Amino acid sequence: MAEITLRPEQYRPGPPSDVDLSQYGVGLVGCGSIANSAHLPAYAKAGYTIVACCDVDEDAARSTAERWDIPFWTTDIRALLDRDEVRVIDMALHPAARKETLEAIAQAPRPVLTQKPLHMEYELAAELIAIAEEAGITLAVNQQARWAPDHRALRVLMDQGVVGQVYSIQNLRRSFQDQPGQWWTSLANFNIGDHGVHYLDLCRYFASSPQAGSREWTRLHCTTAMLPDQNGPDPLIYSANVEFGEAGGRVGLMASLQFNNIIRASGAHSYNWWIDGTEGSVWASTKEVWVARADDPRTVHTFPLEGTWFPDAFQGPLGDLIAATAHGRPPAVTPRDNLNTIAMTTAAIRSSKSGRVVERSEVTA
């Protein structure tokens, strides 16, 4: 095989280069912590034009506008929608507020980027899709992990055929999110349905590569564990085995995902992906990507990575929606694509509670 190369411009998130960003003023709806810590820092770096922001909390809207030099702020979404310069909406809201907000936007439709997942409940996500489709709203889902440098780099190398036909995807994440008083600590099924959705969605993202057969998941089995003294109401450890294709494991692709989110010793935290194919393997941390090939088994190619998931990857989904709007194409993560990820988290929760394998068709039916 030719020399293996990986350049930062192949994986580094950034704004679309073929669109006049000044013509796509962004209205931010939701001025909470994620907007201020991730969305707006990434947008400033990318050069997106934020022309208005809105939050039901007046202090949040005002302080966000002052901090990021946003020319207009309001507590009334109708006032934001009345402004012609608002061409695209970034809906940075928790699930409970999304339906009412999307119904308001439907009265003055704009392309909308909504937080991931579209909704934690499959049926409620389907309701949001119906609202958007009836109003003619182009809706994109902010699964920004797909744009993180390590994940993009893995996909670039996969698509180049560096490891041949992919048959195994593995993920291991070790971290801690059982802090008392945080919103996520009281959220039902948080570790699978909210945070864990990133890794289940990335499993689908990698499996959609032509080198993995462009396959969709068909069934999974998920187990969980819960500590007796934890703050969160549901398990903070899961292990999921995912099949692609007919039952029996005869299709050449599987995934194994493990997420322990209650490791109290931070020195033991880690995050890695491994992707194995017929001609080699590629694996990654947040800092580096490594490649080893069967035709040169003792050589490991190491590629240091530039950029970070937070906040850099947040440039990707909004830039993709702007480019999709400019060029008249669907966004990379459509609501119906995300519905298959929500089906995956729904199946994982059902499986963990019942102890059985759950089919995708059971959820989507």
Protein backbone atom coordinates (compact mmCIF):
# COMPACT_ATOMS: atom_id res chain seq x y z
CA MET A 1 0.00 0.00 0.00
CA ALA A 2 1.11 3.60 -0.61
CA GLU A 3 2.48 5.68 2.27
CA ILE A 4 -0.06 6.26 5.02
CA THR A 5 -0.68 9.98 5.57
CA LEU A 6 -3.06 12.05 7.68
CA ARG A 7 -3.15 15.84 7.38
CA PRO A 8 -4.92 18.20 9.83
CA GLU A 9 -7.03 19.71 7.06
CA GLN A 10 -8.55 16.26 6.48
CA TYR A 11 -10.06 16.00 9.97
CA ARG A 12 -9.90 19.39 11.68
CA PRO A 13 -13.36 20.98 12.13
CA GLY A 14 -13.92 24.36 10.55
CA PRO A 15 -16.36 26.56 8.66
CA PRO A 16 -17.41 25.82 5.06
CA SER A 17 -14.99 27.45 2.65
CA ASP A 18 -17.43 27.90 -0.23
CA VAL A 19 -20.13 29.96 1.54
CA ASP A 20 -20.30 33.67 2.41
CA LEU A 21 -20.89 33.30 6.15
CA SER A 22 -21.91 36.95 6.52
CA GLN A 23 -25.09 36.15 4.58
CA TYR A 24 -26.20 33.57 7.16
CA GLY A 25 -26.91 35.40 10.39
CA VAL A 26 -27.45 32.99 13.28
CA GLY A 27 -30.12 33.38 15.94
CA LEU A 28 -29.22 31.56 19.15
CA VAL A 29 -32.18 30.23 21.16
CA GLY A 30 -31.01 29.14 24.60
CA CYS A 31 -28.23 30.99 26.44
CA GLY A 32 -27.25 28.38 28.99
CA SER A 33 -23.94 26.78 29.88
CA ILE A 34 -23.49 24.68 26.72
CA ALA A 35 -24.11 27.71 24.50
CA ASN A 36 -21.58 29.83 26.36
CA SER A 37 -18.94 27.16 26.96
CA ALA A 38 -19.01 25.34 23.60
CA HIS A 39 -21.28 26.79 20.89
CA LEU A 40 -20.26 30.43 21.03
CA PRO A 41 -16.49 29.89 21.51
CA ALA A 42 -16.52 27.56 18.49
CA TYR A 43 -18.62 29.98 16.42
CA ALA A 44 -16.29 32.86 17.21
CA LYS A 45 -13.33 30.76 16.07
CA ALA A 46 -15.11 29.77 12.87
CA GLY A 47 -16.28 33.29 12.02
CA TYR A 48 -20.02 32.62 12.13
CA THR A 49 -22.19 35.74 12.48
CA ILE A 50 -24.39 35.60 15.58
CA VAL A 51 -26.96 38.35 15.09
CA ALA A 52 -29.43 37.67 17.94
CA CYS A 53 -29.92 35.55 21.03
CA CYS A 54 -32.96 34.58 23.08
CA ASP A 55 -33.59 33.02 26.48
CA VAL A 56 -36.60 33.00 28.81
CA ASP A 57 -34.14 34.10 31.54
CA GLU A 58 -33.52 37.81 30.94
CA ASP A 59 -30.18 37.81 32.76
CA ALA A 60 -28.95 34.87 30.68
CA ALA A 61 -29.94 36.52 27.41
CA ARG A 62 -28.45 39.89 28.35
CA SER A 63 -25.18 38.54 29.75
CA THR A 64 -24.67 36.25 26.76
CA ALA A 65 -25.21 39.14 24.35
CA GLU A 66 -22.77 41.33 26.28
CA ARG A 67 -20.13 38.62 26.60
CA TRP A 68 -20.17 37.67 22.91
CA ASP A 69 -20.99 41.08 21.42
CA ILE A 70 -24.33 39.92 20.01
CA PRO A 71 -26.23 43.00 18.77
CA PHE A 72 -29.76 41.93 19.77
CA TRP A 73 -31.14 39.93 22.69
CA THR A 74 -34.67 39.12 23.80
CA THR A 75 -36.76 36.85 26.02
CA ASP A 76 -39.42 36.46 23.30
CA ILE A 77 -38.61 34.11 20.43
CA ARG A 78 -41.15 35.90 18.26
CA ALA A 79 -39.02 39.04 18.46
CA LEU A 80 -36.00 37.05 17.30
CA LEU A 81 -37.97 35.51 14.43
CA ASP A 82 -39.18 38.96 13.32
CA ARG A 83 -35.62 39.92 12.42
CA ASP A 84 -34.80 39.37 8.75
CA GLU A 85 -31.07 39.03 9.43
CA VAL A 86 -31.74 35.79 11.35
CA ARG A 87 -31.30 33.23 8.60
CA VAL A 88 -30.44 30.15 10.68
CA ILE A 89 -31.50 29.09 14.19
CA ASP A 90 -29.25 27.35 16.73
CA MET A 91 -31.70 25.78 19.21
CA ALA A 92 -29.52 25.08 22.26
CA LEU A 93 -32.31 23.84 24.52
CA HIS A 94 -33.02 20.82 26.69
CA PRO A 95 -35.58 18.38 25.22
CA ALA A 96 -38.55 19.61 27.27
CA ALA A 97 -38.49 23.03 25.60
CA ARG A 98 -37.94 21.93 22.00
CA LYS A 99 -41.47 21.14 20.83
CA GLU A 100 -42.94 24.50 21.85
CA THR A 101 -39.94 26.32 20.39
CA LEU A 102 -40.05 24.43 17.10
CA GLU A 103 -43.77 25.16 16.82
CA ALA A 104 -42.98 28.86 17.20
CA ILE A 105 -40.28 28.65 14.52
CA ALA A 106 -42.78 26.90 12.25
CA GLN A 107 -44.69 30.20 12.09
CA ALA A 108 -41.65 31.83 10.49
CA PRO A 109 -39.59 28.87 9.21
CA ARG A 110 -35.81 28.92 9.21
CA PRO A 111 -33.23 26.11 9.06
CA VAL A 112 -32.70 24.85 12.61
CA LEU A 113 -29.81 23.11 14.38
CA THR A 114 -31.07 21.36 17.50
CA GLN A 115 -29.15 19.80 20.37
CA LYS A 116 -28.45 16.07 20.42
CA PRO A 117 -30.28 13.80 20.58
CA LEU A 118 -33.35 15.10 18.79
CA HIS A 119 -35.22 13.87 21.89
CA MET A 120 -34.49 11.15 24.42
CA GLU A 121 -37.93 9.64 23.81
CA TYR A 122 -38.35 8.00 20.39
CA GLU A 123 -42.02 8.93 19.99
CA LEU A 124 -41.39 12.57 20.99
CA ALA A 125 -38.50 12.78 18.53
CA ALA A 126 -40.89 11.60 15.83
CA GLU A 127 -43.27 14.41 16.81
CA LEU A 128 -40.51 16.99 16.29
CA ILE A 129 -39.79 15.54 12.86
CA ALA A 130 -43.46 15.84 11.92
CA ILE A 131 -43.56 19.50 12.99
CA ALA A 132 -40.44 20.32 10.99
CA GLU A 133 -41.52 18.45 7.87
CA GLU A 134 -45.00 19.98 7.88
CA ALA A 135 -43.53 23.49 8.20
CA GLY A 136 -40.79 22.87 5.63
CA ILE A 137 -38.04 23.43 8.21
CA THR A 138 -34.61 22.01 7.40
CA LEU A 139 -33.71 20.42 10.73
CA ALA A 140 -30.22 19.22 11.65
CA VAL A 141 -29.13 17.49 14.85
CA ASN A 142 -26.02 18.60 16.71
CA GLN A 143 -24.23 15.25 17.08
CA GLN A 144 -21.03 17.27 17.17
CA ALA A 145 -18.87 14.33 18.26
CA ARG A 146 -18.83 13.28 14.60
CA TRP A 147 -16.70 16.38 13.95
CA ALA A 148 -14.24 15.85 16.83
CA PRO A 149 -10.66 15.52 15.49
CA ASP A 150 -10.06 11.97 16.75
CA HIS A 151 -13.36 10.66 15.38
CA ARG A 152 -12.96 12.41 12.03
CA ALA A 153 -9.39 11.16 11.72
CA LEU A 154 -10.52 7.57 12.30
CA ARG A 155 -13.21 7.91 9.66
CA VAL A 156 -10.77 9.48 7.17
CA LEU A 157 -8.36 6.56 7.58
CA MET A 158 -11.20 4.03 7.37
CA ASP A 159 -12.54 5.58 4.17
CA GLN A 160 -9.06 5.51 2.64
CA GLY A 161 -9.07 1.73 3.03
CA VAL A 162 -6.05 1.76 5.33
CA VAL A 163 -7.41 -1.14 7.40
CA GLY A 164 -9.31 -2.93 4.64
CA GLN A 165 -12.84 -4.21 5.26
CA VAL A 166 -13.83 -3.27 8.80
CA TYR A 167 -15.29 -6.03 10.96
CA SER A 168 -14.92 -4.73 14.53
CA ILE A 169 -15.57 -1.39 16.27
CA GLN A 170 -14.69 -1.00 19.95
CA ASN A 171 -14.99 1.91 22.37
CA LEU A 172 -13.90 2.30 25.98
CA ARG A 173 -14.64 5.45 27.97
CA ARG A 174 -13.77 5.90 31.66
CA SER A 175 -14.84 9.10 33.41
CA PHE A 176 -16.95 10.52 36.26
CA GLN A 177 -20.26 12.40 36.21
CA ASP A 178 -21.95 11.70 39.52
CA GLN A 179 -21.54 15.21 40.92
CA PRO A 180 -24.40 16.22 43.24
CA GLY A 181 -26.42 19.25 42.18
CA GLN A 182 -25.70 19.04 38.44
CA TRP A 183 -28.67 18.80 36.05
CA TRP A 184 -27.43 15.56 34.52
CA THR A 185 -27.20 13.82 37.91
CA SER A 186 -30.99 13.90 38.24
CA LEU A 187 -31.76 13.04 34.59
CA ALA A 188 -33.33 9.62 34.04
CA ASN A 189 -31.25 7.28 31.83
CA PHE A 190 -28.61 9.99 31.49
CA ASN A 191 -25.64 7.69 30.94
CA ILE A 192 -27.19 5.94 27.94
CA GLY A 193 -29.77 8.37 26.55
CA ASP A 194 -27.95 11.70 26.92
CA HIS A 195 -24.19 11.35 27.33
CA GLY A 196 -23.88 7.82 25.99
CA VAL A 197 -25.76 8.78 22.83
CA HIS A 198 -22.48 10.22 21.54
CA TYR A 199 -20.76 6.83 21.49
CA LEU A 200 -23.73 4.89 20.16
CA ASP A 201 -24.10 7.50 17.40
CA LEU A 202 -20.37 7.29 16.63
CA CYS A 203 -20.73 3.52 16.33
CA ARG A 204 -23.31 4.17 13.58
CA TYR A 205 -21.08 6.85 12.03
CA PHE A 206 -18.16 4.45 11.70
CA ALA A 207 -20.38 1.61 10.49
CA SER A 208 -21.73 3.87 7.72
CA SER A 209 -18.29 3.95 6.08
CA PRO A 210 -18.16 2.04 2.78
CA GLN A 211 -15.22 0.15 4.27
CA ALA A 212 -17.59 -1.14 6.98
CA GLY A 213 -20.25 -2.03 4.43
CA SER A 214 -22.34 1.13 5.04
CA ARG A 215 -24.36 -0.95 7.48
CA GLU A 216 -27.13 -0.04 9.92
CA TRP A 217 -27.42 -1.70 13.34
CA THR A 218 -30.04 -4.40 13.72
CA ARG A 219 -29.97 -5.55 17.36
CA LEU A 220 -28.08 -5.05 20.60
CA HIS A 221 -27.65 -6.36 24.11
CA CYS A 222 -26.81 -3.94 26.92
CA THR A 223 -25.89 -4.58 30.54
CA THR A 224 -25.54 -1.97 33.29
CA ALA A 225 -24.31 -1.66 36.86
CA MET A 226 -25.33 0.79 39.60
CA LEU A 227 -23.54 1.67 42.83
CA PRO A 228 -25.67 1.78 45.97
CA ASP A 229 -24.37 5.19 47.08
CA GLN A 230 -24.38 7.06 43.75
CA ASN A 231 -26.27 10.33 43.23
CA GLY A 232 -27.66 9.54 39.78
CA PRO A 233 -31.04 7.73 39.68
CA ASP A 234 -29.95 5.23 37.01
CA PRO A 235 -26.84 3.16 36.26
CA LEU A 236 -23.66 5.02 35.31
CA ILE A 237 -21.96 1.98 33.78
CA TYR A 238 -23.00 0.25 30.57
CA SER A 239 -21.63 -2.35 28.20
CA ALA A 240 -23.33 -2.78 24.82
CA ASN A 241 -22.75 -5.35 22.09
CA VAL A 242 -24.18 -4.32 18.74
CA GLU A 243 -24.90 -6.46 15.67
CA PHE A 244 -25.24 -5.34 12.06
CA GLY A 245 -27.19 -7.69 9.81
CA GLU A 246 -29.05 -10.92 10.33
CA ALA A 247 -29.12 -12.72 13.66
CA GLY A 248 -26.35 -15.19 14.32
CA GLY A 249 -23.32 -13.00 13.85
CA ARG A 250 -22.54 -14.17 10.32
CA VAL A 251 -22.34 -10.63 8.95
CA GLY A 252 -18.78 -9.34 9.20
CA LEU A 253 -19.29 -6.38 11.51
CA MET A 254 -19.92 -5.97 15.22
CA ALA A 255 -19.39 -3.27 17.83
CA SER A 256 -18.57 -3.39 21.53
CA LEU A 257 -19.06 -0.23 23.60
CA GLN A 258 -18.14 0.16 27.27
CA PHE A 259 -18.72 3.31 29.31
CA ASN A 260 -17.89 3.52 33.01
CA ASN A 261 -18.93 7.01 34.12
CA ILE A 262 -18.43 6.65 37.86
CA ILE A 263 -14.66 6.20 38.23
CA ARG A 264 -13.77 8.41 41.19
CA ALA A 265 -10.00 8.37 40.64
CA SER A 266 -9.38 10.78 37.75
CA GLY A 267 -5.96 9.27 37.12
CA ALA A 268 -7.75 6.16 35.89
CA HIS A 269 -9.86 8.01 33.29
CA SER A 270 -9.32 7.28 29.59
CA TYR A 271 -11.00 7.34 26.20
CA ASN A 272 -10.14 5.18 23.19
CA TRP A 273 -11.56 3.73 19.99
CA TRP A 274 -10.25 0.67 18.11
CA ILE A 275 -11.29 -0.23 14.57
CA ASP A 276 -10.08 -3.52 13.10
CA GLY A 277 -10.16 -4.57 9.47
CA THR A 278 -8.95 -7.33 7.21
CA GLU A 279 -5.70 -5.49 6.45
CA GLY A 280 -4.91 -3.76 9.73
CA SER A 281 -6.09 -1.67 12.64
CA VAL A 282 -6.52 1.99 13.52
CA TRP A 283 -7.04 3.28 17.03
CA ALA A 284 -7.17 6.67 18.73
CA SER A 285 -7.13 8.68 21.92
CA THR A 286 -8.13 12.34 22.02
CA LYS A 287 -4.50 13.29 21.31
CA GLU A 288 -3.20 10.77 18.78
CA VAL A 289 -4.21 8.26 16.12
CA TRP A 290 -2.25 5.08 15.44
CA VAL A 291 -2.23 2.72 12.45
CA ALA A 292 -0.78 -0.79 12.14
CA ARG A 293 -1.06 -2.95 9.02
CA ALA A 294 -0.89 -6.69 8.58
CA ASP A 295 1.68 -6.35 5.75
CA ASP A 296 4.07 -4.55 8.15
CA PRO A 297 2.97 -5.86 11.55
CA ARG A 298 5.80 -4.44 13.66
CA THR A 299 5.39 -0.86 12.46
CA VAL A 300 2.97 1.51 14.19
CA HIS A 301 2.31 4.83 12.47
CA THR A 302 1.57 7.64 14.95
CA PHE A 303 -0.26 10.87 14.05
CA PRO A 304 -0.57 13.64 16.68
CA LEU A 305 -3.94 15.36 16.42
CA GLU A 306 -4.71 19.07 16.24
CA GLY A 307 -7.84 20.51 17.85
CA THR A 308 -10.30 19.31 20.47
CA TRP A 309 -13.86 18.02 20.75
CA PHE A 310 -14.87 20.86 23.12
CA PRO A 311 -15.26 23.44 21.71
CA ASP A 312 -13.76 22.93 18.23
CA ALA A 313 -16.13 20.20 17.02
CA PHE A 314 -19.11 22.52 17.54
CA GLN A 315 -18.01 24.42 14.42
CA GLY A 316 -18.99 21.40 12.33
CA PRO A 317 -22.77 20.94 12.68
CA LEU A 318 -23.65 24.63 12.28
CA GLY A 319 -21.26 25.03 9.35
CA ASP A 320 -22.73 21.94 7.75
CA LEU A 321 -26.28 23.30 8.14
CA ILE A 322 -25.25 26.64 6.63
CA ALA A 323 -23.60 24.86 3.70
CA ALA A 324 -26.62 22.57 3.29
CA THR A 325 -28.88 25.63 3.17
CA ALA A 326 -26.63 27.40 0.66
CA HIS A 327 -26.35 24.39 -1.65
CA GLY A 328 -29.84 22.95 -1.26
CA ARG A 329 -28.77 19.59 0.16
CA PRO A 330 -29.74 17.74 3.36
CA PRO A 331 -27.57 18.26 6.45
CA ALA A 332 -25.13 15.52 7.44
CA VAL A 333 -27.19 14.52 10.49
CA THR A 334 -30.84 14.63 9.49
CA PRO A 335 -33.64 14.05 12.03
CA ARG A 336 -34.46 10.70 10.46
CA ASP A 337 -30.82 9.64 10.67
CA ASN A 338 -30.78 10.67 14.32
CA LEU A 339 -33.97 8.70 14.90
CA ASN A 340 -31.96 5.52 14.30
CA THR A 341 -29.51 6.65 17.00
CA ILE A 342 -32.41 7.34 19.38
CA ALA A 343 -33.76 3.89 18.54
CA MET A 344 -30.35 2.58 19.56
CA THR A 345 -30.36 4.29 22.97
CA THR A 346 -33.99 3.25 23.48
CA ALA A 347 -33.08 -0.36 22.72
CA ALA A 348 -30.06 -0.18 25.05
CA ILE A 349 -32.23 1.07 27.93
CA ARG A 350 -34.86 -1.62 27.27
CA SER A 351 -32.20 -4.30 27.03
CA SER A 352 -30.49 -3.25 30.25
CA LYS A 353 -33.78 -3.35 32.14
CA SER A 354 -35.06 -6.62 30.69
CA GLY A 355 -31.83 -8.55 30.21
CA ARG A 356 -32.69 -9.48 26.62
CA VAL A 357 -31.51 -8.67 23.11
CA VAL A 358 -33.60 -5.87 21.56
CA GLU A 359 -34.12 -5.54 17.82
CA ARG A 360 -34.11 -2.16 16.07
CA SER A 361 -37.35 -3.14 14.34
CA GLU A 362 -39.01 -3.51 17.76
CA VAL A 363 -38.35 0.15 18.54
CA THR A 364 -38.99 1.63 15.12
CA ALA A 365 -42.27 -0.26 14.67
